[in-house]
PDB file of N, CA and C in Angstrom:
ATOM      1  N   MET A   1     125.849 124.951  59.613  1.00  0.00           N
ATOM      2  CA  MET A   1     125.149 124.137  60.578  1.00  0.00           C
ATOM      3  C   MET A   1     124.272 124.993  61.496  1.00  0.00           C
ATOM      4  N   ILE A   2     124.808 126.140  61.929  1.00  0.00           N
ATOM      5  CA  ILE A   2     124.038 127.018  62.808  1.00  0.00           C
ATOM      6  C   ILE A   2     122.813 127.575  62.072  1.00  0.00           C
ATOM      7  N   GLY A   3     122.975 127.887  60.786  1.00  0.00           N
ATOM      8  CA  GLY A   3     121.860 128.398  59.996  1.00  0.00           C
ATOM      9  C   GLY A   3     120.737 127.385  59.863  1.00  0.00           C
ATOM     10  N   ILE A   4     121.091 126.126  59.722  1.00  0.00           N
ATOM     11  CA  ILE A   4     120.081 125.076  59.613  1.00  0.00           C
ATOM     12  C   ILE A   4     119.331 124.936  60.936  1.00  0.00           C
ATOM     13  N   LEU A   5     120.071 124.952  62.041  1.00  0.00           N
ATOM     14  CA  LEU A   5     119.430 124.842  63.350  1.00  0.00           C
ATOM     15  C   LEU A   5     118.537 126.044  63.651  1.00  0.00           C
ATOM     16  N   THR A   6     118.969 127.216  63.229  1.00  0.00           N
ATOM     17  CA  THR A   6     118.147 128.403  63.426  1.00  0.00           C
ATOM     18  C   THR A   6     116.860 128.321  62.615  1.00  0.00           C
ATOM     19  N   THR A   7     116.954 127.832  61.396  1.00  0.00           N
ATOM     20  CA  THR A   7     115.766 127.676  60.552  1.00  0.00           C
ATOM     21  C   THR A   7     114.807 126.652  61.147  1.00  0.00           C
ATOM     22  N   ILE A   8     115.355 125.559  61.662  1.00  0.00           N
ATOM     23  CA  ILE A   8     114.515 124.545  62.308  1.00  0.00           C
ATOM     24  C   ILE A   8     113.851 125.134  63.549  1.00  0.00           C
ATOM     25  N   GLY A   9     114.592 125.915  64.316  1.00  0.00           N
ATOM     26  CA  GLY A   9     114.025 126.559  65.496  1.00  0.00           C
ATOM     27  C   GLY A   9     112.921 127.547  65.147  1.00  0.00           C
ATOM     28  N   LEU A  10     113.132 128.320  64.087  1.00  0.00           N
ATOM     29  CA  LEU A  10     112.097 129.263  63.645  1.00  0.00           C
ATOM     30  C   LEU A  10     110.833 128.530  63.212  1.00  0.00           C
ATOM     31  N   ALA A  11     110.994 127.442  62.485  1.00  0.00           N
ATOM     32  CA  ALA A  11     109.830 126.658  62.047  1.00  0.00           C
ATOM     33  C   ALA A  11     109.114 126.043  63.249  1.00  0.00           C
ATOM     34  N   TRP A  12     109.877 125.543  64.206  1.00  0.00           N
ATOM     35  CA  TRP A  12     109.293 124.920  65.382  1.00  0.00           C
ATOM     36  C   TRP A  12     108.514 125.940  66.215  1.00  0.00           C
ATOM     37  N   VAL A  13     109.083 127.100  66.445  1.00  0.00           N
ATOM     38  CA  VAL A  13     108.406 128.130  67.230  1.00  0.00           C
ATOM     39  C   VAL A  13     107.163 128.634  66.499  1.00  0.00           C
ATOM     40  N   THR A  14     107.232 128.735  65.189  1.00  0.00           N
ATOM     41  CA  THR A  14     106.061 129.149  64.423  1.00  0.00           C
ATOM     42  C   THR A  14     104.940 128.120  64.538  1.00  0.00           C
ATOM     43  N   GLY A  15     105.293 126.854  64.479  1.00  0.00           N
ATOM     44  CA  GLY A  15     104.293 125.797  64.672  1.00  0.00           C
ATOM     45  C   GLY A  15     103.688 125.831  66.067  1.00  0.00           C
ATOM     46  N   LEU A  16     104.516 126.106  67.056  1.00  0.00           N
ATOM     47  CA  LEU A  16     104.002 126.223  68.419  1.00  0.00           C
ATOM     48  C   LEU A  16     103.095 127.433  68.581  1.00  0.00           C
ATOM     49  N   LEU A  17     103.382 128.507  67.851  1.00  0.00           N
ATOM     50  CA  LEU A  17     102.492 129.673  67.879  1.00  0.00           C
ATOM     51  C   LEU A  17     101.114 129.333  67.319  1.00  0.00           C
ATOM     52  N   VAL A  18     101.084 128.567  66.248  1.00  0.00           N
ATOM     53  CA  VAL A  18      99.797 128.150  65.678  1.00  0.00           C
ATOM     54  C   VAL A  18      99.041 127.266  66.664  1.00  0.00           C
ATOM     55  N   ALA A  19      99.741 126.322  67.275  1.00  0.00           N
ATOM     56  CA  ALA A  19      99.104 125.447  68.258  1.00  0.00           C
ATOM     57  C   ALA A  19      98.613 126.242  69.465  1.00  0.00           C
ATOM     58  N   GLY A  20      99.401 127.214  69.912  1.00  0.00           N
ATOM     59  CA  GLY A  20      98.981 128.051  71.032  1.00  0.00           C
ATOM     60  C   GLY A  20      97.771 128.907  70.692  1.00  0.00           C
ATOM     61  N   GLY A  21      97.696 129.369  69.446  1.00  0.00           N
ATOM     62  CA  GLY A  21      96.516 130.113  69.011  1.00  0.00           C
ATOM     63  C   GLY A  21      95.267 129.255  69.026  1.00  0.00           C
ATOM     64  N   LEU A  22      95.412 128.005  68.631  1.00  0.00           N
ATOM     65  CA  LEU A  22      94.270 127.089  68.686  1.00  0.00           C
ATOM     66  C   LEU A  22      93.853 126.805  70.121  1.00  0.00           C
ATOM     67  N   VAL A  23      94.823 126.670  71.012  1.00  0.00           N
ATOM     68  CA  VAL A  23      94.502 126.471  72.427  1.00  0.00           C
ATOM     69  C   VAL A  23      93.784 127.695  72.973  1.00  0.00           C
ATOM     70  N   LEU A  24      94.221 128.866  72.578  1.00  0.00           N
ATOM     71  CA  LEU A  24      93.568 130.096  73.028  1.00  0.00           C
ATOM     72  C   LEU A  24      92.123 130.161  72.537  1.00  0.00           C
ATOM     73  N   LEU A  25      91.885 129.749  71.315  1.00  0.00           N
ATOM     74  CA  LEU A  25      90.524 129.775  70.782  1.00  0.00           C
ATOM     75  C   LEU A  25      89.618 128.751  71.451  1.00  0.00           C
ATOM     76  N   ARG A  26      90.187 127.651  71.903  1.00  0.00           N
ATOM     77  CA  ARG A  26      89.386 126.590  72.512  1.00  0.00           C
ATOM     78  C   ARG A  26      89.323 126.690  74.026  1.00  0.00           C
ATOM     79  N   ALA A  27      89.931 127.690  74.624  1.00  0.00           N
ATOM     80  CA  ALA A  27      89.935 127.833  76.082  1.00  0.00           C
ATOM     81  C   ALA A  27      88.518 128.069  76.583  1.00  0.00           C
ATOM     82  N   ARG A  28      88.203 127.415  77.691  1.00  0.00           N
ATOM     83  CA  ARG A  28      86.841 127.486  78.201  1.00  0.00           C
ATOM     84  C   ARG A  28      86.633 128.587  79.234  1.00  0.00           C
ATOM     85  N   ASP A  29      87.639 128.849  80.044  1.00  0.00           N
ATOM     86  CA  ASP A  29      87.463 129.891  81.052  1.00  0.00           C
ATOM     87  C   ASP A  29      88.596 130.906  80.975  1.00  0.00           C
ATOM     88  N   VAL A  30      88.496 131.917  81.806  1.00  0.00           N
ATOM     89  CA  VAL A  30      89.415 133.043  81.748  1.00  0.00           C
ATOM     90  C   VAL A  30      90.833 132.625  82.145  1.00  0.00           C
ATOM     91  N   PHE A  31      90.936 131.708  83.091  1.00  0.00           N
ATOM     92  CA  PHE A  31      92.261 131.287  83.554  1.00  0.00           C
ATOM     93  C   PHE A  31      93.047 130.589  82.441  1.00  0.00           C
ATOM     94  N   GLN A  32      92.367 129.742  81.685  1.00  0.00           N
ATOM     95  CA  GLN A  32      93.029 129.077  80.558  1.00  0.00           C
ATOM     96  C   GLN A  32      93.439 130.080  79.491  1.00  0.00           C
ATOM     97  N   ARG A  33      92.645 131.102  79.284  1.00  0.00           N
ATOM     98  CA  ARG A  33      93.001 132.131  78.302  1.00  0.00           C
ATOM     99  C   ARG A  33      94.215 132.933  78.740  1.00  0.00           C
ATOM    100  N   ILE A  34      94.303 133.230  80.023  1.00  0.00           N
ATOM    101  CA  ILE A  34      95.461 133.974  80.525  1.00  0.00           C
ATOM    102  C   ILE A  34      96.731 133.153  80.362  1.00  0.00           C
ATOM    103  N   VAL A  35      96.665 131.867  80.683  1.00  0.00           N
ATOM    104  CA  VAL A  35      97.832 131.004  80.534  1.00  0.00           C
ATOM    105  C   VAL A  35      98.206 130.865  79.062  1.00  0.00           C
ATOM    106  N   ALA A  36      97.209 130.749  78.190  1.00  0.00           N
ATOM    107  CA  ALA A  36      97.489 130.622  76.758  1.00  0.00           C
ATOM    108  C   ALA A  36      98.119 131.907  76.209  1.00  0.00           C
ATOM    109  N   LEU A  37      97.622 133.057  76.619  1.00  0.00           N
ATOM    110  CA  LEU A  37      98.205 134.317  76.168  1.00  0.00           C
ATOM    111  C   LEU A  37      99.622 134.502  76.696  1.00  0.00           C
ATOM    112  N   ASP A  38      99.861 134.086  77.918  1.00  0.00           N
ATOM    113  CA  ASP A  38     101.207 134.180  78.479  1.00  0.00           C
ATOM    114  C   ASP A  38     102.161 133.246  77.722  1.00  0.00           C
ATOM    115  N   THR A  39     101.691 132.073  77.391  1.00  0.00           N
ATOM    116  CA  THR A  39     102.510 131.140  76.604  1.00  0.00           C
ATOM    117  C   THR A  39     102.799 131.696  75.215  1.00  0.00           C
ATOM    118  N   LEU A  40     101.804 132.306  74.607  1.00  0.00           N
ATOM    119  CA  LEU A  40     102.011 132.903  73.287  1.00  0.00           C
ATOM    120  C   LEU A  40     103.014 134.054  73.346  1.00  0.00           C
ATOM    121  N   SER A  41     102.973 134.825  74.410  1.00  0.00           N
ATOM    122  CA  SER A  41     103.942 135.921  74.507  1.00  0.00           C
ATOM    123  C   SER A  41     105.360 135.387  74.697  1.00  0.00           C
ATOM    124  N   VAL A  42     105.515 134.296  75.431  1.00  0.00           N
ATOM    125  CA  VAL A  42     106.839 133.681  75.573  1.00  0.00           C
ATOM    126  C   VAL A  42     107.330 133.171  74.224  1.00  0.00           C
ATOM    127  N   LEU A  43     106.438 132.589  73.449  1.00  0.00           N
ATOM    128  CA  LEU A  43     106.827 132.092  72.124  1.00  0.00           C
ATOM    129  C   LEU A  43     107.203 133.226  71.177  1.00  0.00           C
ATOM    130  N   VAL A  44     106.514 134.349  71.261  1.00  0.00           N
ATOM    131  CA  VAL A  44     106.855 135.491  70.416  1.00  0.00           C
ATOM    132  C   VAL A  44     108.215 136.065  70.821  1.00  0.00           C
ATOM    133  N   VAL A  45     108.503 136.072  72.125  1.00  0.00           N
ATOM    134  CA  VAL A  45     109.818 136.522  72.581  1.00  0.00           C
ATOM    135  C   VAL A  45     110.898 135.592  72.041  1.00  0.00           C
ATOM    136  N   CYS A  46     110.652 134.287  72.071  1.00  0.00           N
ATOM    137  CA  CYS A  46     111.609 133.329  71.501  1.00  0.00           C
ATOM    138  C   CYS A  46     111.783 133.547  69.998  1.00  0.00           C
ATOM    139  N   LEU A  47     110.684 133.810  69.304  1.00  0.00           N
ATOM    140  CA  LEU A  47     110.760 134.064  67.871  1.00  0.00           C
ATOM    141  C   LEU A  47     111.564 135.323  67.574  1.00  0.00           C
ATOM    142  N   LEU A  48     111.354 136.375  68.355  1.00  0.00           N
ATOM    143  CA  LEU A  48     112.130 137.597  68.157  1.00  0.00           C
ATOM    144  C   LEU A  48     113.614 137.379  68.432  1.00  0.00           C
ATOM    145  N   ALA A  49     113.925 136.589  69.451  1.00  0.00           N
ATOM    146  CA  ALA A  49     115.335 136.313  69.752  1.00  0.00           C
ATOM    147  C   ALA A  49     115.979 135.502  68.630  1.00  0.00           C
ATOM    148  N   LEU A  50     115.272 134.532  68.095  1.00  0.00           N
ATOM    149  CA  LEU A  50     115.813 133.755  66.977  1.00  0.00           C
ATOM    150  C   LEU A  50     115.986 134.606  65.726  1.00  0.00           C
ATOM    151  N   LEU A  51     115.036 135.491  65.476  1.00  0.00           N
ATOM    152  CA  LEU A  51     115.167 136.384  64.327  1.00  0.00           C
ATOM    153  C   LEU A  51     116.329 137.351  64.497  1.00  0.00           C
ATOM    154  N   ALA A  52     116.526 137.834  65.711  1.00  0.00           N
ATOM    155  CA  ALA A  52     117.653 138.733  65.963  1.00  0.00           C
ATOM    156  C   ALA A  52     118.971 138.020  65.727  1.00  0.00           C
ATOM    157  N   TYR A  53     119.051 136.773  66.111  1.00  0.00           N
ATOM    158  CA  TYR A  53     120.285 136.023  65.911  1.00  0.00           C
ATOM    159  C   TYR A  53     120.502 135.684  64.435  1.00  0.00           C
ATOM    160  N   SER A  54     119.439 135.258  63.760  1.00  0.00           N
ATOM    161  CA  SER A  54     119.612 134.816  62.373  1.00  0.00           C
ATOM    162  C   SER A  54     119.838 135.981  61.414  1.00  0.00           C
ATOM    163  N   ARG A  55     119.225 137.133  61.671  1.00  0.00           N
ATOM    164  CA  ARG A  55     119.388 138.280  60.772  1.00  0.00           C
ATOM    165  C   ARG A  55     120.452 139.259  61.242  1.00  0.00           C
ATOM    166  N   ASP A  56     120.987 139.029  62.421  1.00  0.00           N
ATOM    167  CA  ASP A  56     122.045 139.856  62.994  1.00  0.00           C
ATOM    168  C   ASP A  56     121.627 141.324  63.123  1.00  0.00           C
ATOM    169  N   VAL A  57     120.422 141.513  63.682  1.00  0.00           N
ATOM    170  CA  VAL A  57     119.928 142.866  63.979  1.00  0.00           C
ATOM    171  C   VAL A  57     119.611 142.934  65.476  1.00  0.00           C
ATOM    172  N   PRO A  58     120.244 143.855  66.178  1.00  0.00           N
ATOM    173  CA  PRO A  58     120.095 143.871  67.643  1.00  0.00           C
ATOM    174  C   PRO A  58     118.778 144.442  68.154  1.00  0.00           C
ATOM    175  N   TYR A  59     118.051 145.188  67.340  1.00  0.00           N
ATOM    176  CA  TYR A  59     116.849 145.819  67.871  1.00  0.00           C
ATOM    177  C   TYR A  59     115.700 144.837  68.042  1.00  0.00           C
ATOM    178  N   TYR A  60     115.793 143.640  67.496  1.00  0.00           N
ATOM    179  CA  TYR A  60     114.803 142.608  67.798  1.00  0.00           C
ATOM    180  C   TYR A  60     114.914 142.167  69.260  1.00  0.00           C
ATOM    181  N   PHE A  61     116.132 142.175  69.799  1.00  0.00           N
ATOM    182  CA  PHE A  61     116.299 141.856  71.215  1.00  0.00           C
ATOM    183  C   PHE A  61     115.634 142.915  72.090  1.00  0.00           C
ATOM    184  N   ASP A  62     115.724 144.165  71.697  1.00  0.00           N
ATOM    185  CA  ASP A  62     115.057 145.226  72.445  1.00  0.00           C
ATOM    186  C   ASP A  62     113.544 145.028  72.438  1.00  0.00           C
ATOM    187  N   ALA A  63     113.004 144.664  71.294  1.00  0.00           N
ATOM    188  CA  ALA A  63     111.569 144.397  71.207  1.00  0.00           C
ATOM    189  C   ALA A  63     111.190 143.184  72.049  1.00  0.00           C
ATOM    190  N   ALA A  64     112.047 142.171  72.099  1.00  0.00           N
ATOM    191  CA  ALA A  64     111.776 140.982  72.903  1.00  0.00           C
ATOM    192  C   ALA A  64     111.754 141.323  74.391  1.00  0.00           C
ATOM    193  N   VAL A  65     112.690 142.156  74.832  1.00  0.00           N
ATOM    194  CA  VAL A  65     112.728 142.556  76.244  1.00  0.00           C
ATOM    195  C   VAL A  65     111.501 143.398  76.586  1.00  0.00           C
ATOM    196  N   ALA A  66     111.144 144.331  75.721  1.00  0.00           N
ATOM    197  CA  ALA A  66     109.969 145.167  75.972  1.00  0.00           C
ATOM    198  C   ALA A  66     108.701 144.327  76.015  1.00  0.00           C
ATOM    199  N   LEU A  67     108.577 143.370  75.111  1.00  0.00           N
ATOM    200  CA  LEU A  67     107.400 142.504  75.105  1.00  0.00           C
ATOM    201  C   LEU A  67     107.346 141.623  76.343  1.00  0.00           C
ATOM    202  N   SER A  68     108.485 141.135  76.794  1.00  0.00           N
ATOM    203  CA  SER A  68     108.479 140.294  77.995  1.00  0.00           C
ATOM    204  C   SER A  68     108.092 141.105  79.232  1.00  0.00           C
ATOM    205  N   LEU A  69     108.569 142.341  79.336  1.00  0.00           N
ATOM    206  CA  LEU A  69     108.172 143.181  80.465  1.00  0.00           C
ATOM    207  C   LEU A  69     106.683 143.517  80.418  1.00  0.00           C
ATOM    208  N   PHE A  70     106.186 143.851  79.237  1.00  0.00           N
ATOM    209  CA  PHE A  70     104.764 144.150  79.093  1.00  0.00           C
ATOM    210  C   PHE A  70     103.913 142.925  79.412  1.00  0.00           C
ATOM    211  N   SER A  71     104.351 141.760  78.972  1.00  0.00           N
ATOM    212  CA  SER A  71     103.608 140.531  79.235  1.00  0.00           C
ATOM    213  C   SER A  71     103.561 140.217  80.720  1.00  0.00           C
ATOM    214  N   PHE A  72     104.679 140.429  81.413  1.00  0.00           N
ATOM    215  CA  PHE A  72     104.705 140.199  82.860  1.00  0.00           C
ATOM    216  C   PHE A  72     103.724 141.113  83.577  1.00  0.00           C
ATOM    217  N   VAL A  73     103.744 142.386  83.240  1.00  0.00           N
ATOM    218  CA  VAL A  73     102.843 143.346  83.882  1.00  0.00           C
ATOM    219  C   VAL A  73     101.381 143.005  83.570  1.00  0.00           C
ATOM    220  N   ALA A  74     101.091 142.619  82.354  1.00  0.00           N
ATOM    221  CA  ALA A  74      99.722 142.276  81.988  1.00  0.00           C
ATOM    222  C   ALA A  74      99.246 141.020  82.716  1.00  0.00           C
ATOM    223  N   THR A  75     100.114 140.046  82.879  1.00  0.00           N
ATOM    224  CA  THR A  75      99.742 138.824  83.590  1.00  0.00           C
ATOM    225  C   THR A  75      99.477 139.116  85.065  1.00  0.00           C
ATOM    226  N   VAL A  76     100.319 139.922  85.674  1.00  0.00           N
ATOM    227  CA  VAL A  76     100.103 140.284  87.077  1.00  0.00           C
ATOM    228  C   VAL A  76      98.816 141.085  87.234  1.00  0.00           C
ATOM    229  N   ALA A  77      98.554 141.997  86.321  1.00  0.00           N
ATOM    230  CA  ALA A  77      97.328 142.795  86.393  1.00  0.00           C
ATOM    231  C   ALA A  77      96.088 141.920  86.221  1.00  0.00           C
ATOM    232  N   ALA A  78      96.135 140.979  85.292  1.00  0.00           N
ATOM    233  CA  ALA A  78      94.988 140.089  85.084  1.00  0.00           C
ATOM    234  C   ALA A  78      94.778 139.185  86.296  1.00  0.00           C
ATOM    235  N   ALA A  79      95.854 138.711  86.895  1.00  0.00           N
ATOM    236  CA  ALA A  79      95.725 137.856  88.075  1.00  0.00           C
ATOM    237  C   ALA A  79      95.147 138.628  89.255  1.00  0.00           C
ATOM    238  N   ARG A  80      95.599 139.860  89.441  1.00  0.00           N
ATOM    239  CA  ARG A  80      95.053 140.672  90.533  1.00  0.00           C
ATOM    240  C   ARG A  80      93.591 141.011  90.277  1.00  0.00           C
ATOM    241  N   TYR A  81      93.241 141.255  89.028  1.00  0.00           N
ATOM    242  CA  TYR A  81      91.848 141.553  88.681  1.00  0.00           C
ATOM    243  C   TYR A  81      90.952 140.363  88.979  1.00  0.00           C
ATOM    244  N   LEU A  82      91.407 139.169  88.604  1.00  0.00           N
ATOM    245  CA  LEU A  82      90.595 137.984  88.850  1.00  0.00           C
ATOM    246  C   LEU A  82      90.559 137.606  90.330  1.00  0.00           C
ATOM    247  N   ALA A  83      91.623 137.876  91.066  1.00  0.00           N
ATOM    248  CA  ALA A  83      91.653 137.532  92.482  1.00  0.00           C
ATOM    249  C   ALA A  83      90.740 138.440  93.302  1.00  0.00           C
ATOM    250  N   SER A  84      90.641 139.705  92.920  1.00  0.00           N
ATOM    251  CA  SER A  84      89.835 140.640  93.715  1.00  0.00           C
ATOM    252  C   SER A  84      88.382 140.657  93.279  1.00  0.00           C
ATOM    253  N   GLY A  85      88.077 140.185  92.097  1.00  0.00           N
ATOM    254  CA  GLY A  85      86.693 140.141  91.656  1.00  0.00           C
ATOM    255  C   GLY A  85      86.272 141.359  90.853  1.00  0.00           C
ATOM    256  N   GLY A  86      87.095 142.345  90.709  1.00  0.00           N
ATOM    257  CA  GLY A  86      86.734 143.527  89.946  1.00  0.00           C
ATOM    258  C   GLY A  86      87.853 144.530  89.973  1.00  0.00           C
ATOM    259  N   PRO A  87      87.732 145.584  89.187  1.00  0.00           N
ATOM    260  CA  PRO A  87      88.833 146.550  89.100  1.00  0.00           C
ATOM    261  C   PRO A  87      88.967 147.464  90.311  1.00  0.00           C
ATOM    262  N   PHE A  88      87.903 147.653  91.071  1.00  0.00           N
ATOM    263  CA  PHE A  88      87.950 148.634  92.158  1.00  0.00           C
ATOM    264  C   PHE A  88      87.756 148.027  93.533  1.00  0.00           C
ATOM    265  N   GLU A  89      87.929 146.756  93.667  1.00  0.00           N
ATOM    266  CA  GLU A  89      87.721 146.103  94.968  1.00  0.00           C
ATOM    267  C   GLU A  89      89.006 145.723  95.614  1.00  0.00           C
TER     268      GLU A  89
END
């Protein structure tokens, strides 16, 4: 039963990744692109966690944590860049 639910979860997250990629391609301004990229990174972290559970390999969790930290830093950097108007202001 758990294997079936994990497979359904993997398929669902993969479908959401495709939909998020389409949203990213259709984004009109920079703010929508940042939100779409942040959403995609959350989905990839979820996919890595599901893969770690289904394949019973712990290093996927390490990759998920590293990706989530990198995504947080990138989102904060992009927000500060857009708020100040440039990299040196």
